[in-house]
Protein backbone atom coordinates (compact mmCIF):
# COMPACT_ATOMS: atom_id res chain seq x y z
CA MET A 1 0.83 21.44 -11.77
CA SER A 2 1.51 22.59 -8.22
CA ALA A 3 -1.08 24.25 -6.02
CA GLN A 4 1.00 27.43 -5.92
CA SER A 5 0.99 27.81 -9.74
CA GLN A 6 -2.79 27.64 -10.14
CA ALA A 7 -5.34 30.39 -9.81
CA PRO A 8 -7.52 29.77 -6.74
CA ALA A 9 -10.66 29.05 -8.77
CA GLN A 10 -8.74 26.70 -11.08
CA LEU A 11 -7.29 24.85 -8.11
CA LEU A 12 -10.70 24.26 -6.54
CA ARG A 13 -12.22 23.09 -9.82
CA ARG A 14 -9.31 20.70 -10.45
CA LEU A 15 -9.61 19.22 -6.98
CA SER A 16 -13.36 18.74 -7.33
CA PHE A 17 -12.79 16.84 -10.60
CA VAL A 18 -10.26 14.38 -9.17
CA MET A 19 -12.97 11.83 -8.37
CA ARG A 20 -13.82 11.60 -12.08
CA ALA A 21 -10.25 10.79 -13.07
CA SER A 22 -10.04 8.15 -10.34
CA ARG A 23 -13.19 6.43 -11.51
CA ALA A 24 -12.15 6.54 -15.16
CA LEU A 25 -8.87 4.86 -14.25
CA TYR A 26 -10.75 2.23 -12.26
CA VAL A 27 -13.03 1.39 -15.19
CA ALA A 28 -10.07 0.94 -17.54
CA ALA A 29 -8.37 -1.34 -15.03
CA HIS A 30 -11.55 -3.31 -14.37
CA LEU A 31 -12.15 -3.86 -18.09
CA GLY A 32 -8.55 -5.00 -18.62
CA VAL A 33 -7.91 -2.43 -21.37
CA ALA A 34 -4.15 -2.59 -20.85
CA ASP A 35 -4.14 -6.38 -21.25
CA ILE A 36 -6.14 -6.05 -24.46
CA LEU A 37 -3.62 -3.51 -25.80
CA ALA A 38 -0.62 -5.66 -24.85
CA GLY A 39 -0.37 -6.97 -28.42
CA GLY A 40 -0.12 -3.53 -30.00
CA PRO A 41 -2.21 -0.48 -30.99
CA MET A 42 -5.94 -0.96 -31.56
CA THR A 43 -9.00 1.12 -32.37
CA SER A 44 -11.64 1.79 -29.75
CA GLY A 45 -13.98 -0.54 -31.66
CA GLU A 46 -11.48 -3.40 -31.50
CA ILE A 47 -10.85 -2.84 -27.80
CA ALA A 48 -14.57 -2.55 -27.11
CA ALA A 49 -15.27 -5.84 -28.90
CA ALA A 50 -12.66 -7.59 -26.77
CA ALA A 51 -14.03 -6.03 -23.58
CA SER A 52 -17.71 -6.45 -24.53
CA VAL A 53 -18.55 -2.76 -24.04
CA ASP A 54 -19.92 0.12 -26.15
CA ALA A 55 -17.27 1.39 -28.57
CA ALA A 56 -18.27 5.05 -28.62
CA SER A 57 -18.35 5.27 -24.84
CA LEU A 58 -15.05 3.46 -24.49
CA ARG A 59 -13.41 5.87 -26.93
CA ARG A 60 -14.50 8.78 -24.74
CA LEU A 61 -13.07 7.04 -21.68
CA LEU A 62 -9.76 6.35 -23.42
CA ARG A 63 -9.39 9.91 -24.69
CA ALA A 64 -9.87 11.21 -21.15
CA LEU A 65 -7.17 8.88 -19.86
CA VAL A 66 -4.88 9.90 -22.73
CA ALA A 67 -5.21 13.46 -21.48
CA PHE A 68 -4.02 12.29 -18.06
CA GLY A 69 -1.07 10.41 -19.55
CA VAL A 70 -2.33 6.87 -18.95
CA PHE A 71 -2.56 5.78 -22.63
CA GLU A 72 -1.55 7.31 -25.98
CA GLU A 73 -3.61 7.99 -29.11
CA GLU A 74 -1.01 7.61 -31.87
CA ALA A 75 -3.54 8.45 -34.62
CA PRO A 76 -7.23 9.35 -34.51
CA ASP A 77 -9.03 6.46 -32.77
CA ARG A 78 -5.91 4.30 -32.53
CA PHE A 79 -4.70 3.72 -28.99
CA ARG A 80 -1.58 2.17 -27.54
CA LEU A 81 0.12 1.57 -24.21
CA ASN A 82 2.67 3.93 -22.72
CA PRO A 83 4.75 3.32 -19.55
CA ALA A 84 1.81 4.17 -17.26
CA GLY A 85 -0.59 2.00 -19.22
CA GLU A 86 1.88 -0.90 -19.11
CA LEU A 87 1.60 -0.94 -15.34
CA LEU A 88 -2.16 -1.56 -15.62
CA ARG A 89 -1.47 -4.98 -17.13
CA ARG A 90 -2.01 -7.98 -14.87
CA ASP A 91 1.15 -9.89 -15.71
CA VAL A 92 3.99 -7.35 -15.68
CA PRO A 93 6.52 -6.77 -12.91
CA SER A 94 5.38 -3.99 -10.56
CA SER A 95 1.82 -4.12 -11.95
CA GLN A 96 -0.38 -1.49 -10.31
CA ARG A 97 -3.71 -2.90 -11.53
CA ALA A 98 -4.67 -4.43 -8.19
CA GLY A 99 -3.73 -1.23 -6.41
CA VAL A 100 -5.98 0.81 -8.71
CA LEU A 101 -8.90 -1.59 -8.27
CA PHE A 102 -8.40 -1.53 -4.51
CA THR A 103 -7.94 2.23 -4.12
CA ALA A 104 -10.61 3.42 -6.58
CA GLY A 105 -13.06 0.53 -6.34
CA ASP A 106 -16.68 0.41 -5.23
CA MET A 107 -16.06 -0.22 -1.54
CA ARG A 108 -13.69 2.73 -1.22
CA TRP A 109 -16.24 5.01 -2.90
CA GLN A 110 -18.90 3.80 -0.50
CA LEU A 111 -16.71 4.52 2.50
CA TRP A 112 -15.42 7.90 1.32
CA LEU A 113 -19.00 9.09 0.82
CA ASP A 114 -19.08 9.07 4.62
CA LEU A 115 -16.04 11.32 5.12
CA LEU A 116 -18.15 14.14 6.52
CA GLU A 117 -19.41 11.91 9.33
CA CYS A 118 -15.86 10.66 9.96
CA VAL A 119 -14.72 14.23 10.52
CA ARG A 120 -17.75 14.95 12.70
CA THR A 121 -17.34 11.90 14.92
CA GLY A 122 -13.77 10.70 14.55
CA GLN A 123 -15.13 7.21 13.85
CA ALA A 124 -14.13 5.22 10.80
CA ALA A 125 -16.74 4.88 8.05
CA VAL A 126 -16.05 1.17 7.73
CA GLU A 127 -17.34 0.54 11.24
CA ARG A 128 -20.66 2.24 10.45
CA ALA A 129 -20.92 0.47 7.09
CA PHE A 130 -20.02 -3.06 8.21
CA GLY A 131 -20.10 -3.00 12.02
CA LYS A 132 -16.50 -4.24 12.12
CA THR A 133 -12.99 -3.23 11.14
CA LEU A 134 -11.79 -3.47 7.56
CA PHE A 135 -9.51 -6.36 8.50
CA GLU A 136 -12.39 -8.30 10.07
CA HIS A 137 -14.53 -7.56 7.00
CA ASN A 138 -11.80 -8.78 4.64
CA ALA A 139 -11.33 -11.97 6.65
CA GLN A 140 -14.98 -12.84 5.94
CA ASN A 141 -14.98 -11.82 2.26
CA ALA A 142 -12.60 -13.87 0.14
CA GLU A 143 -12.79 -11.69 -2.98
CA GLU A 144 -12.05 -8.44 -1.14
CA SER A 145 -9.32 -10.14 0.92
CA GLU A 146 -7.64 -11.36 -2.27
CA LEU A 147 -7.77 -7.90 -3.84
CA PHE A 148 -6.37 -6.33 -0.65
CA ASN A 149 -3.51 -8.83 -0.58
CA GLU A 150 -2.73 -8.27 -4.27
CA ALA A 151 -2.75 -4.50 -3.79
CA MET A 152 -0.48 -4.66 -0.74
CA SER A 153 1.84 -7.00 -2.61
CA SER A 154 2.08 -4.58 -5.54
CA TYR A 155 2.84 -1.71 -3.15
CA SER A 156 5.54 -3.82 -1.47
CA ALA A 157 7.06 -4.68 -4.82
CA ALA A 158 7.29 -1.00 -5.73
CA LEU A 159 8.95 -0.19 -2.40
CA SER A 160 11.39 -3.10 -2.28
CA VAL A 161 14.08 -1.54 -4.46
CA PRO A 162 14.23 1.83 -2.64
CA ILE A 163 14.11 0.11 0.76
CA LEU A 164 16.96 -2.24 -0.11
CA ALA A 165 18.93 0.65 -1.59
CA ALA A 166 18.54 2.69 1.59
CA TYR A 167 19.16 0.06 4.25
CA ASP A 168 21.68 -2.78 4.64
CA PHE A 169 20.00 -5.92 6.00
CA GLY A 170 23.23 -7.92 5.67
CA SER A 171 24.05 -7.92 9.38
CA PHE A 172 20.87 -9.80 10.34
CA GLY A 173 20.83 -13.58 10.38
CA ARG A 174 17.08 -13.90 10.94
CA ILE A 175 14.48 -11.32 9.91
CA ALA A 176 10.77 -11.33 10.76
CA ASP A 177 8.22 -9.40 8.71
CA ILE A 178 5.35 -8.76 11.13
CA GLY A 179 2.03 -8.28 9.37
CA GLY A 180 3.98 -9.03 6.21
CA GLY A 181 1.04 -10.06 4.03
CA THR A 182 1.92 -12.52 1.30
CA GLY A 183 5.66 -11.93 1.77
CA ARG A 184 6.61 -9.72 -1.16
CA LEU A 185 8.92 -7.41 0.80
CA LEU A 186 10.47 -10.19 2.87
CA ALA A 187 11.11 -12.23 -0.27
CA SER A 188 12.99 -9.28 -1.79
CA ILE A 189 15.06 -8.84 1.39
CA LEU A 190 15.97 -12.53 1.52
CA ALA A 191 16.78 -12.67 -2.19
CA ALA A 192 19.22 -9.77 -1.73
CA ASN A 193 20.74 -11.33 1.40
CA PRO A 194 21.32 -15.04 0.68
CA ASN A 195 22.73 -15.77 4.15
CA ALA A 196 19.64 -14.53 5.96
CA ARG A 197 16.59 -16.50 7.00
CA GLY A 198 13.09 -15.09 7.37
CA VAL A 199 9.87 -15.43 9.33
CA LEU A 200 6.66 -14.23 7.69
CA PHE A 201 3.98 -13.53 10.29
CA ASP A 202 0.37 -12.57 9.59
CA LEU A 203 -3.21 -13.76 9.98
CA PRO A 204 -3.99 -17.27 8.66
CA HIS A 205 -6.21 -16.14 5.76
CA VAL A 206 -3.50 -13.69 4.63
CA ILE A 207 -0.43 -15.92 4.67
CA ALA A 208 -2.32 -18.72 2.94
CA ALA A 209 -1.29 -17.10 -0.35
CA ALA A 210 2.37 -16.68 0.61
CA PRO A 211 4.01 -20.04 -0.23
CA PRO A 212 3.72 -19.72 -4.05
CA LEU A 213 5.19 -16.21 -3.98
CA LEU A 214 8.07 -17.27 -1.71
CA ALA A 215 8.74 -20.28 -3.93
CA ALA A 216 8.71 -18.18 -7.10
CA SER A 217 11.23 -15.83 -5.46
CA GLY A 218 13.51 -18.76 -4.62
CA VAL A 219 13.46 -18.12 -0.86
CA ALA A 220 10.85 -20.61 0.41
CA GLU A 221 13.45 -22.88 2.01
CA ARG A 222 14.81 -19.94 4.02
CA CYS A 223 11.47 -18.53 5.12
CA GLU A 224 9.21 -19.85 7.86
CA VAL A 225 5.52 -18.94 7.53
CA VAL A 226 3.80 -18.43 10.88
CA ALA A 227 0.13 -17.62 11.45
CA GLY A 228 -0.98 -15.40 14.30
CA SER A 229 -2.11 -11.97 15.45
CA PHE A 230 0.41 -9.30 16.39
CA PHE A 231 -2.02 -8.25 19.13
CA ASP A 232 -1.38 -11.58 20.88
CA ARG A 233 2.32 -12.15 20.28
CA VAL A 234 5.05 -12.08 17.64
CA PRO A 235 7.74 -14.71 16.99
CA ASP A 236 10.86 -14.45 19.13
CA GLY A 237 14.46 -15.36 18.42
CA VAL A 238 15.02 -13.08 15.43
CA ASP A 239 17.56 -10.30 14.91
CA ALA A 240 15.32 -7.77 13.16
CA TYR A 241 11.60 -7.11 13.11
CA VAL A 242 10.09 -5.30 10.12
CA LEU A 243 6.74 -3.49 10.35
CA ARG A 244 5.77 -2.07 6.96
CA ALA A 245 2.54 -0.05 6.82
CA VAL A 246 1.30 -1.64 10.04
CA ILE A 247 1.46 1.05 12.71
CA HIS A 248 -0.49 3.58 10.62
CA ASP A 249 -3.51 1.27 10.63
CA TRP A 250 -4.12 1.68 14.37
CA ASP A 251 -4.70 4.24 17.10
CA ASP A 252 -1.96 4.90 19.64
CA ALA A 253 -3.22 2.29 22.11
CA ARG A 254 -3.35 -0.57 19.62
CA ALA A 255 -0.18 0.55 17.82
CA GLY A 256 1.49 0.60 21.23
CA ALA A 257 0.27 -2.95 21.91
CA ILE A 258 1.89 -4.18 18.69
CA LEU A 259 5.14 -2.41 19.53
CA SER A 260 5.11 -3.76 23.09
CA ASN A 261 4.72 -7.31 21.78
CA CYS A 262 7.71 -6.75 19.51
CA ARG A 263 9.72 -5.38 22.45
CA ARG A 264 8.89 -8.41 24.61
CA ALA A 265 9.98 -10.80 21.87
CA MET A 266 13.27 -8.99 21.18
CA THR A 267 16.66 -9.48 22.73
CA ARG A 268 18.61 -6.48 23.97
CA GLU A 269 20.54 -6.56 20.67
CA GLY A 270 17.44 -6.74 18.48
CA THR A 271 16.41 -4.12 15.93
CA LEU A 272 12.96 -2.87 14.99
CA LEU A 273 12.49 -1.38 11.52
CA ILE A 274 9.28 0.55 10.89
CA VAL A 275 8.66 1.38 7.22
CA GLU A 276 6.13 4.20 6.98
CA ARG A 277 5.63 7.78 5.90
CA VAL A 278 6.90 10.38 8.35
CA MET A 279 4.71 13.46 8.27
CA PRO A 280 6.15 16.96 8.59
CA GLU A 281 5.19 18.89 11.70
CA LYS A 282 3.71 21.69 9.56
CA ALA A 283 1.64 21.21 6.41
CA GLU A 284 2.79 23.05 3.30
CA GLN A 285 1.02 23.63 -0.02
CA GLY A 286 2.09 21.33 -2.81
CA ARG A 287 4.21 19.12 -0.58
CA ALA A 288 3.47 15.41 -0.48
CA GLU A 289 -0.26 15.70 -1.16
CA ASP A 290 -0.46 11.89 -1.19
CA ASP A 291 0.70 11.81 2.44
CA TYR A 292 -2.28 13.84 3.54
CA LEU A 293 -4.77 11.96 1.38
CA LEU A 294 -3.45 8.69 2.82
CA ASP A 295 -3.89 10.16 6.29
CA LEU A 296 -7.55 10.82 5.43
CA GLU A 297 -7.79 7.25 4.11
CA MET A 298 -6.72 6.07 7.55
CA LEU A 299 -9.44 8.24 9.08
CA VAL A 300 -12.09 6.67 6.83
CA VAL A 301 -11.13 2.99 6.88
CA THR A 302 -9.14 2.23 10.03
CA PRO A 303 -9.92 2.20 13.76
CA GLY A 304 -8.02 5.32 14.74
CA GLY A 305 -5.14 4.89 12.31
CA ARG A 306 -3.15 7.87 11.09
CA GLU A 307 0.06 8.98 9.44
CA ARG A 308 2.47 10.15 12.16
CA THR A 309 5.22 12.70 12.63
CA GLU A 310 8.63 11.86 14.02
CA ALA A 311 7.48 13.13 17.43
CA ASP A 312 4.37 10.92 17.25
CA PHE A 313 6.48 7.85 16.51
CA GLN A 314 8.97 8.66 19.23
CA ALA A 315 6.20 9.00 21.81
CA ILE A 316 4.58 5.60 21.19
CA LEU A 317 7.97 3.89 20.82
CA ARG A 318 9.22 5.33 24.12
CA THR A 319 6.08 4.08 25.88
CA ALA A 320 6.66 0.60 24.40
CA GLY A 321 10.22 0.47 25.75
CA PHE A 322 12.31 1.60 22.80
CA GLY A 323 15.12 4.12 22.56
CA PRO A 324 15.66 7.04 20.17
CA VAL A 325 14.58 6.82 16.55
CA ARG A 326 17.01 6.94 13.63
CA ILE A 327 15.19 7.92 10.43
CA ILE A 328 16.60 6.69 7.13
CA PRO A 329 14.91 8.29 4.10
CA THR A 330 14.37 6.32 0.91
CA ALA A 331 13.77 7.32 -2.70
CA ALA A 332 10.12 6.33 -2.16
CA PRO A 333 7.56 8.27 -0.09
CA VAL A 334 8.39 6.12 2.96
CA SER A 335 11.22 6.24 5.47
CA ILE A 336 12.79 3.50 7.60
CA LEU A 337 12.64 4.15 11.33
CA GLU A 338 15.35 2.14 13.07
CA VAL A 339 14.98 1.66 16.82
CA ARG A 340 16.37 -0.63 19.52
CA PRO A 341 15.31 -1.48 23.05
CA ALA A 342 15.90 1.30 25.57
């Protein structure tokens, strides 16, 4: 239901209830309800026994999620998976379970409780909570780092098809994914372009999980895995640099430092491809609500990060030594910004 079609009071009530839906979804994902239902329909009692929880309470949770379209109740107290529920399973292609646990989990709730102070001060909640950036915190917490990597990998998997459909990587002999996580997107690019070679570049604790994924994708022999920080340098000697969901994590100064390092490593014929959301200059009701919520996420959890407009991107790219931006839309919420040295 769009914002325009709701009565004002109904709209405000619905928005204030969103947190409840998010937490209900998190609990179902945490309990592994979708994995339990993978074998077929079950009663709430059967699911509860498998999950070691209270049956009556679980039934209430499941009925709420049925109302949101996450599961189906085919007969009274008999639940089954639907397409949305399937994606909560651990072992299916394009699983979104890790993304749900990451986005709606305990740490995010803790940080979003501090949104008011973020708006007052402009300072990320994570810095007040942990005294460090989210990336520094993850580097020192193996469990949270693993969940972050799994969530980013699931997001990359969901974006790979629309990115490859929108952009032809076939002209590049060597492609570097800077801040590429465990390599999900780069693996998809290399699999679709068998003559290309890749360089996966990220922090040591992040890329440690990359080799099995690259091997499973059949591209390990064509992909070099390099550890390092994009604030220090990026690998040189490649034809195209990909930055997916990197620039939005940082303020203009630090985003500019990353872009400048890419520019220094590039040849005059090199190409930089930034995969991010491009915000409209003017906000409109009912349009891309997720874009604005993600922008607030950047306010809460990153050191000055934000979602940017085309003009914002052009400004920091120009300062870093790049020419005009060509924006290629995709079927996903992101666009590909193609730029070359000025």
